[in-house]
Amino acid sequence: MRIEASWYSRKGTMTADNRDHAGIGTNTNGVMAIIVDGSTAGENSGEYAEAIVREVIDWFNGLQGGLDVDAFSKQLRGIHLGLRARYPRGSDIQYR
């Protein structure tokens, strides 16, 4: 399988750096792309966004079987809980 992807991002006007991060993962059942917009207010929010992307893609790459929405939601919550200690201000988010 060959995948070509282009992604363009630019920094916002409220920070000196670009805090957006993206990743693409593959497994035997498909492809996942994720984009995370780091907060302008949270300390180390760019690093937090990068950590989320890395953990989601690593999980997806190792996933056996199809993607289940409930399992994915549970995994996101677990990633969030796991990163809270390192990024306490950036991880103050709500899930629906």
C-alpha atoms as a PDB file:
ATOM      1  CA  MET A   1       0.000   0.000   0.000  1.00  0.00           C
ATOM      2  CA  ARG A   2       1.290   3.437  -0.850  1.00  0.00           C
ATOM      3  CA  ILE A   3       0.084   6.522   0.957  1.00  0.00           C
ATOM      4  CA  GLU A   4       0.897  10.099   0.088  1.00  0.00           C
ATOM      5  CA  ALA A   5      -0.090  12.842   2.471  1.00  0.00           C
ATOM      6  CA  SER A   6       0.437  16.548   2.573  1.00  0.00           C
ATOM      7  CA  TRP A   7      -0.205  18.677   5.595  1.00  0.00           C
ATOM      8  CA  TYR A   8       0.117  22.403   5.914  1.00  0.00           C
ATOM      9  CA  SER A   9      -0.054  24.170   9.237  1.00  0.00           C
ATOM     10  CA  ARG A  10       0.946  27.591  10.382  1.00  0.00           C
ATOM     11  CA  LYS A  11       1.259  29.101  13.790  1.00  0.00           C
ATOM     12  CA  GLY A  12      -1.496  31.207  15.187  1.00  0.00           C
ATOM     13  CA  THR A  13      -1.198  34.835  16.187  1.00  0.00           C
ATOM     14  CA  MET A  14      -1.198  34.222  19.945  1.00  0.00           C
ATOM     15  CA  THR A  15       1.999  32.154  20.284  1.00  0.00           C
ATOM     16  CA  ALA A  16       5.559  32.370  19.032  1.00  0.00           C
ATOM     17  CA  ASP A  17       5.511  28.718  17.970  1.00  0.00           C
ATOM     18  CA  ASN A  18       3.261  26.302  16.093  1.00  0.00           C
ATOM     19  CA  ARG A  19       1.674  23.829  18.500  1.00  0.00           C
ATOM     20  CA  ASP A  20      -0.158  21.698  15.946  1.00  0.00           C
ATOM     21  CA  HIS A  21       0.849  18.071  15.467  1.00  0.00           C
ATOM     22  CA  ALA A  22      -0.293  15.370  13.069  1.00  0.00           C
ATOM     23  CA  GLY A  23       0.353  11.700  12.508  1.00  0.00           C
ATOM     24  CA  ILE A  24      -0.620   8.897  10.159  1.00  0.00           C
ATOM     25  CA  GLY A  25      -0.743   5.255  11.142  1.00  0.00           C
ATOM     26  CA  THR A  26      -1.452   2.041   9.282  1.00  0.00           C
ATOM     27  CA  ASN A  27      -2.349  -1.473  10.236  1.00  0.00           C
ATOM     28  CA  THR A  28      -3.697  -4.498   8.396  1.00  0.00           C
ATOM     29  CA  ASN A  29      -7.222  -3.056   8.362  1.00  0.00           C
ATOM     30  CA  GLY A  30      -6.745   0.566   7.421  1.00  0.00           C
ATOM     31  CA  VAL A  31      -5.230   3.977   7.858  1.00  0.00           C
ATOM     32  CA  MET A  32      -5.725   6.556  10.588  1.00  0.00           C
ATOM     33  CA  ALA A  33      -4.796  10.221  10.460  1.00  0.00           C
ATOM     34  CA  ILE A  34      -4.949  12.501  13.468  1.00  0.00           C
ATOM     35  CA  ILE A  35      -4.421  16.233  13.857  1.00  0.00           C
ATOM     36  CA  VAL A  36      -4.198  17.858  17.280  1.00  0.00           C
ATOM     37  CA  ASP A  37      -4.299  21.611  17.784  1.00  0.00           C
ATOM     38  CA  GLY A  38      -2.176  22.536  20.811  1.00  0.00           C
ATOM     39  CA  SER A  39      -3.728  25.118  23.097  1.00  0.00           C
ATOM     40  CA  THR A  40      -2.414  28.661  23.205  1.00  0.00           C
ATOM     41  CA  ALA A  41      -3.048  28.849  26.959  1.00  0.00           C
ATOM     42  CA  GLY A  42      -1.666  25.588  28.316  1.00  0.00           C
ATOM     43  CA  GLU A  43       1.938  25.250  29.405  1.00  0.00           C
ATOM     44  CA  ASN A  44       3.805  22.799  27.115  1.00  0.00           C
ATOM     45  CA  SER A  45       0.628  22.294  25.099  1.00  0.00           C
ATOM     46  CA  GLY A  46       2.582  21.643  21.901  1.00  0.00           C
ATOM     47  CA  GLU A  47       4.449  18.802  23.599  1.00  0.00           C
ATOM     48  CA  TYR A  48       1.146  17.527  24.960  1.00  0.00           C
ATOM     49  CA  ALA A  49      -0.410  17.563  21.474  1.00  0.00           C
ATOM     50  CA  GLU A  50       2.612  15.692  20.112  1.00  0.00           C
ATOM     51  CA  ALA A  51       2.370  13.078  22.879  1.00  0.00           C
ATOM     52  CA  ILE A  52      -1.317  12.490  22.113  1.00  0.00           C
ATOM     53  CA  VAL A  53      -0.586  12.010  18.414  1.00  0.00           C
ATOM     54  CA  ARG A  54       2.291   9.625  19.105  1.00  0.00           C
ATOM     55  CA  GLU A  55       0.305   7.486  21.553  1.00  0.00           C
ATOM     56  CA  VAL A  56      -2.808   7.297  19.351  1.00  0.00           C
ATOM     57  CA  ILE A  57      -0.793   6.316  16.268  1.00  0.00           C
ATOM     58  CA  ASP A  58       1.297   3.771  18.194  1.00  0.00           C
ATOM     59  CA  TRP A  59      -1.914   2.208  19.519  1.00  0.00           C
ATOM     60  CA  PHE A  60      -3.524   2.141  16.062  1.00  0.00           C
ATOM     61  CA  ASN A  61      -0.443   0.627  14.419  1.00  0.00           C
ATOM     62  CA  GLY A  62      -0.620  -2.304  16.837  1.00  0.00           C
ATOM     63  CA  LEU A  63      -4.395  -2.730  16.667  1.00  0.00           C
ATOM     64  CA  GLN A  64      -5.585  -6.177  15.633  1.00  0.00           C
ATOM     65  CA  GLY A  65      -8.972  -6.238  13.941  1.00  0.00           C
ATOM     66  CA  GLY A  66     -11.237  -3.393  12.956  1.00  0.00           C
ATOM     67  CA  LEU A  67     -11.492  -0.045  14.697  1.00  0.00           C
ATOM     68  CA  ASP A  68     -14.314   0.002  17.224  1.00  0.00           C
ATOM     69  CA  VAL A  69     -15.565   3.469  18.190  1.00  0.00           C
ATOM     70  CA  ASP A  70     -16.117   2.508  21.823  1.00  0.00           C
ATOM     71  CA  ALA A  71     -12.639   0.963  22.103  1.00  0.00           C
ATOM     72  CA  PHE A  72     -11.132   4.057  20.490  1.00  0.00           C
ATOM     73  CA  SER A  73     -12.957   6.349  22.922  1.00  0.00           C
ATOM     74  CA  LYS A  74     -11.749   4.229  25.836  1.00  0.00           C
ATOM     75  CA  GLN A  75      -8.179   4.381  24.501  1.00  0.00           C
ATOM     76  CA  LEU A  76      -8.320   8.185  24.186  1.00  0.00           C
ATOM     77  CA  ARG A  77      -9.476   8.456  27.788  1.00  0.00           C
ATOM     78  CA  GLY A  78      -6.621   6.193  28.872  1.00  0.00           C
ATOM     79  CA  ILE A  79      -4.089   8.264  26.948  1.00  0.00           C
ATOM     80  CA  HIS A  80      -5.459  11.412  28.526  1.00  0.00           C
ATOM     81  CA  LEU A  81      -5.231   9.945  32.025  1.00  0.00           C
ATOM     82  CA  GLY A  82      -1.715   8.703  31.367  1.00  0.00           C
ATOM     83  CA  LEU A  83      -0.503  12.141  30.236  1.00  0.00           C
ATOM     84  CA  ARG A  84      -2.191  14.217  32.957  1.00  0.00           C
ATOM     85  CA  ALA A  85       0.751  14.057  35.354  1.00  0.00           C
ATOM     86  CA  ARG A  86       3.202  15.345  32.716  1.00  0.00           C
ATOM     87  CA  TYR A  87       0.857  17.986  31.270  1.00  0.00           C
ATOM     88  CA  PRO A  88      -1.566  19.045  34.036  1.00  0.00           C
ATOM     89  CA  ARG A  89      -2.619  22.346  32.449  1.00  0.00           C
ATOM     90  CA  GLY A  90      -2.854  21.069  28.889  1.00  0.00           C
ATOM     91  CA  SER A  91      -4.851  17.996  29.845  1.00  0.00           C
ATOM     92  CA  ASP A  92      -7.783  19.895  31.306  1.00  0.00           C
ATOM     93  CA  ILE A  93     -10.208  18.809  28.566  1.00  0.00           C
ATOM     94  CA  GLN A  94     -13.694  17.388  28.425  1.00  0.00           C
ATOM     95  CA  TYR A  95     -14.906  14.310  26.534  1.00  0.00           C
ATOM     96  CA  ARG A  96     -18.427  13.803  25.265  1.00  0.00           C
END
